Amino acid sequence: MEERAQIGIEDFLKVDLRVAKVLEAEPVEGSEKLLKLRLSLGDEERTIVAGIAKHYGPEELVGKKIVVVANLKPRKIFGIESQGMLLAASDGENLSLIVPERDVKEGAKLS
């Protein structure tokens, strides 16, 4: 089994995990695996770019609530500023978005 680095609770508490609602989703031109998502975090909207197009179509994402890392430094992906990162689980073949089990407000913090 691969040994993983451990972090302290103070490091984990720096990560701002929030619930976001997907308002729009569209393929990123020039990429087969990227989608551009416009999200609502309650009091603000953000754009993120995610490599999930081989597992999810834009039409099945609109209206879905997902979990995002809200305080990740923005970075340009295919010329689009991505302002966060969604959370997903993958076993190498399958990918599943991390979603709230119950309906909670957009912007809700995970703890």
C-alpha atoms as a PDB file:
ATOM      1  CA  MET A   1       0.000   0.000   0.000  1.00  0.00           C
ATOM      2  CA  GLU A   2       1.282   3.447  -0.942  1.00  0.00           C
ATOM      3  CA  GLU A   3       2.168   5.652   2.015  1.00  0.00           C
ATOM      4  CA  ARG A   4       0.449   9.049   1.923  1.00  0.00           C
ATOM      5  CA  ALA A   5       1.618  12.266   3.500  1.00  0.00           C
ATOM      6  CA  GLN A   6      -0.428  13.284   6.507  1.00  0.00           C
ATOM      7  CA  ILE A   7      -1.620  16.822   7.159  1.00  0.00           C
ATOM      8  CA  GLY A   8      -2.679  18.461  10.379  1.00  0.00           C
ATOM      9  CA  ILE A   9      -6.193  19.710  11.079  1.00  0.00           C
ATOM     10  CA  GLU A  10      -4.915  23.285  10.707  1.00  0.00           C
ATOM     11  CA  ASP A  11      -4.023  22.530   7.055  1.00  0.00           C
ATOM     12  CA  PHE A  12      -7.376  20.882   6.345  1.00  0.00           C
ATOM     13  CA  LEU A  13      -9.250  23.834   7.862  1.00  0.00           C
ATOM     14  CA  LYS A  14      -7.705  26.090   5.204  1.00  0.00           C
ATOM     15  CA  VAL A  15      -9.724  24.311   2.487  1.00  0.00           C
ATOM     16  CA  ASP A  16     -13.072  26.015   1.846  1.00  0.00           C
ATOM     17  CA  LEU A  17     -15.467  23.317   0.608  1.00  0.00           C
ATOM     18  CA  ARG A  18     -18.852  24.657  -0.519  1.00  0.00           C
ATOM     19  CA  VAL A  19     -22.044  23.499  -2.190  1.00  0.00           C
ATOM     20  CA  ALA A  20     -22.564  25.020  -5.632  1.00  0.00           C
ATOM     21  CA  LYS A  21     -25.436  24.778  -8.108  1.00  0.00           C
ATOM     22  CA  VAL A  22     -24.593  24.325 -11.791  1.00  0.00           C
ATOM     23  CA  LEU A  23     -26.321  27.116 -13.726  1.00  0.00           C
ATOM     24  CA  GLU A  24     -24.796  26.416 -17.152  1.00  0.00           C
ATOM     25  CA  ALA A  25     -22.510  23.791 -18.655  1.00  0.00           C
ATOM     26  CA  GLU A  26     -20.881  23.649 -22.073  1.00  0.00           C
ATOM     27  CA  PRO A  27     -18.012  21.866 -23.793  1.00  0.00           C
ATOM     28  CA  VAL A  28     -14.675  23.682 -23.980  1.00  0.00           C
ATOM     29  CA  GLU A  29     -13.741  24.275 -27.604  1.00  0.00           C
ATOM     30  CA  GLY A  30     -10.669  22.270 -28.602  1.00  0.00           C
ATOM     31  CA  SER A  31     -10.977  19.723 -25.784  1.00  0.00           C
ATOM     32  CA  GLU A  32     -12.729  16.361 -25.639  1.00  0.00           C
ATOM     33  CA  LYS A  33     -12.647  16.075 -21.848  1.00  0.00           C
ATOM     34  CA  LEU A  34     -13.251  19.596 -20.504  1.00  0.00           C
ATOM     35  CA  LEU A  35     -16.523  21.299 -19.591  1.00  0.00           C
ATOM     36  CA  LYS A  36     -16.976  24.937 -18.639  1.00  0.00           C
ATOM     37  CA  LEU A  37     -19.426  25.289 -15.743  1.00  0.00           C
ATOM     38  CA  ARG A  38     -21.062  28.470 -14.446  1.00  0.00           C
ATOM     39  CA  LEU A  39     -21.901  27.963 -10.779  1.00  0.00           C
ATOM     40  CA  SER A  40     -23.885  29.709  -8.067  1.00  0.00           C
ATOM     41  CA  LEU A  41     -22.370  29.708  -4.592  1.00  0.00           C
ATOM     42  CA  GLY A  42     -25.334  31.589  -3.162  1.00  0.00           C
ATOM     43  CA  ASP A  43     -23.963  35.111  -2.948  1.00  0.00           C
ATOM     44  CA  GLU A  44     -21.689  34.855  -6.000  1.00  0.00           C
ATOM     45  CA  GLU A  45     -21.280  33.147  -9.358  1.00  0.00           C
ATOM     46  CA  ARG A  46     -18.106  31.481 -10.568  1.00  0.00           C
ATOM     47  CA  THR A  47     -16.762  29.693 -13.602  1.00  0.00           C
ATOM     48  CA  ILE A  48     -14.807  26.471 -13.324  1.00  0.00           C
ATOM     49  CA  VAL A  49     -13.313  24.193 -15.931  1.00  0.00           C
ATOM     50  CA  ALA A  50     -13.518  20.474 -15.167  1.00  0.00           C
ATOM     51  CA  GLY A  51     -12.243  17.373 -16.954  1.00  0.00           C
ATOM     52  CA  ILE A  52     -15.488  15.421 -16.693  1.00  0.00           C
ATOM     53  CA  ALA A  53     -16.902  15.540 -20.258  1.00  0.00           C
ATOM     54  CA  LYS A  54     -16.257  11.824 -20.896  1.00  0.00           C
ATOM     55  CA  HIS A  55     -18.475  10.983 -17.907  1.00  0.00           C
ATOM     56  CA  TYR A  56     -21.103  13.752 -17.796  1.00  0.00           C
ATOM     57  CA  GLY A  57     -22.904  15.669 -20.508  1.00  0.00           C
ATOM     58  CA  PRO A  58     -23.737  19.357 -20.043  1.00  0.00           C
ATOM     59  CA  GLU A  59     -27.474  18.618 -20.004  1.00  0.00           C
ATOM     60  CA  GLU A  60     -27.234  16.311 -16.985  1.00  0.00           C
ATOM     61  CA  LEU A  61     -25.265  18.853 -14.935  1.00  0.00           C
ATOM     62  CA  VAL A  62     -27.496  21.929 -15.168  1.00  0.00           C
ATOM     63  CA  GLY A  63     -29.455  22.259 -11.922  1.00  0.00           C
ATOM     64  CA  LYS A  64     -27.281  19.729 -10.060  1.00  0.00           C
ATOM     65  CA  LYS A  65     -25.686  20.663  -6.742  1.00  0.00           C
ATOM     66  CA  ILE A  66     -22.038  19.707  -6.417  1.00  0.00           C
ATOM     67  CA  VAL A  67     -19.166  20.225  -3.976  1.00  0.00           C
ATOM     68  CA  VAL A  68     -16.336  22.593  -4.904  1.00  0.00           C
ATOM     69  CA  VAL A  69     -13.086  23.862  -3.452  1.00  0.00           C
ATOM     70  CA  ALA A  70     -13.955  27.557  -3.287  1.00  0.00           C
ATOM     71  CA  ASN A  71     -10.626  29.023  -2.187  1.00  0.00           C
ATOM     72  CA  LEU A  72      -8.348  27.464  -4.798  1.00  0.00           C
ATOM     73  CA  LYS A  73      -6.219  30.027  -6.643  1.00  0.00           C
ATOM     74  CA  PRO A  74      -7.709  30.732 -10.096  1.00  0.00           C
ATOM     75  CA  ARG A  75      -5.844  29.361 -13.088  1.00  0.00           C
ATOM     76  CA  LYS A  76      -6.273  29.543 -16.846  1.00  0.00           C
ATOM     77  CA  ILE A  77      -7.296  26.333 -18.585  1.00  0.00           C
ATOM     78  CA  PHE A  78      -7.721  26.522 -22.368  1.00  0.00           C
ATOM     79  CA  GLY A  79      -7.799  30.297 -22.000  1.00  0.00           C
ATOM     80  CA  ILE A  80     -10.676  30.204 -19.462  1.00  0.00           C
ATOM     81  CA  GLU A  81     -10.116  31.348 -15.874  1.00  0.00           C
ATOM     82  CA  SER A  82     -11.169  28.488 -13.611  1.00  0.00           C
ATOM     83  CA  GLN A  83     -12.167  29.812 -10.171  1.00  0.00           C
ATOM     84  CA  GLY A  84     -12.241  26.624  -8.143  1.00  0.00           C
ATOM     85  CA  MET A  85     -12.387  22.861  -8.525  1.00  0.00           C
ATOM     86  CA  LEU A  86     -15.231  20.377  -8.251  1.00  0.00           C
ATOM     87  CA  LEU A  87     -14.814  17.214  -6.213  1.00  0.00           C
ATOM     88  CA  ALA A  88     -15.257  13.796  -7.789  1.00  0.00           C
ATOM     89  CA  ALA A  89     -14.285  10.217  -7.023  1.00  0.00           C
ATOM     90  CA  SER A  90     -12.631   8.029  -9.637  1.00  0.00           C
ATOM     91  CA  ASP A  91     -11.498   4.435  -9.718  1.00  0.00           C
ATOM     92  CA  GLY A  92      -9.629   4.960 -12.986  1.00  0.00           C
ATOM     93  CA  GLU A  93     -12.548   3.839 -15.126  1.00  0.00           C
ATOM     94  CA  ASN A  94     -15.604   5.425 -13.547  1.00  0.00           C
ATOM     95  CA  LEU A  95     -16.064   8.942 -12.215  1.00  0.00           C
ATOM     96  CA  SER A  96     -18.712  10.170  -9.780  1.00  0.00           C
ATOM     97  CA  LEU A  97     -19.326  13.731  -8.672  1.00  0.00           C
ATOM     98  CA  ILE A  98     -19.444  14.384  -4.937  1.00  0.00           C
ATOM     99  CA  VAL A  99     -22.936  15.733  -4.258  1.00  0.00           C
ATOM    100  CA  PRO A 100     -24.869  16.592  -1.088  1.00  0.00           C
ATOM    101  CA  GLU A 101     -27.182  13.788   0.040  1.00  0.00           C
ATOM    102  CA  ARG A 102     -29.904  16.274   1.013  1.00  0.00           C
ATOM    103  CA  ASP A 103     -30.935  19.593  -0.457  1.00  0.00           C
ATOM    104  CA  VAL A 104     -28.890  22.388   1.120  1.00  0.00           C
ATOM    105  CA  LYS A 105     -28.529  26.017   0.098  1.00  0.00           C
ATOM    106  CA  GLU A 106     -25.947  27.059  -2.443  1.00  0.00           C
ATOM    107  CA  GLY A 107     -22.845  28.317  -0.687  1.00  0.00           C
ATOM    108  CA  ALA A 108     -23.298  26.010   2.329  1.00  0.00           C
ATOM    109  CA  LYS A 109     -19.939  25.141   3.904  1.00  0.00           C
ATOM    110  CA  LEU A 110     -18.866  21.553   4.383  1.00  0.00           C
ATOM    111  CA  SER A 111     -17.473  20.653   7.757  1.00  0.00           C
END
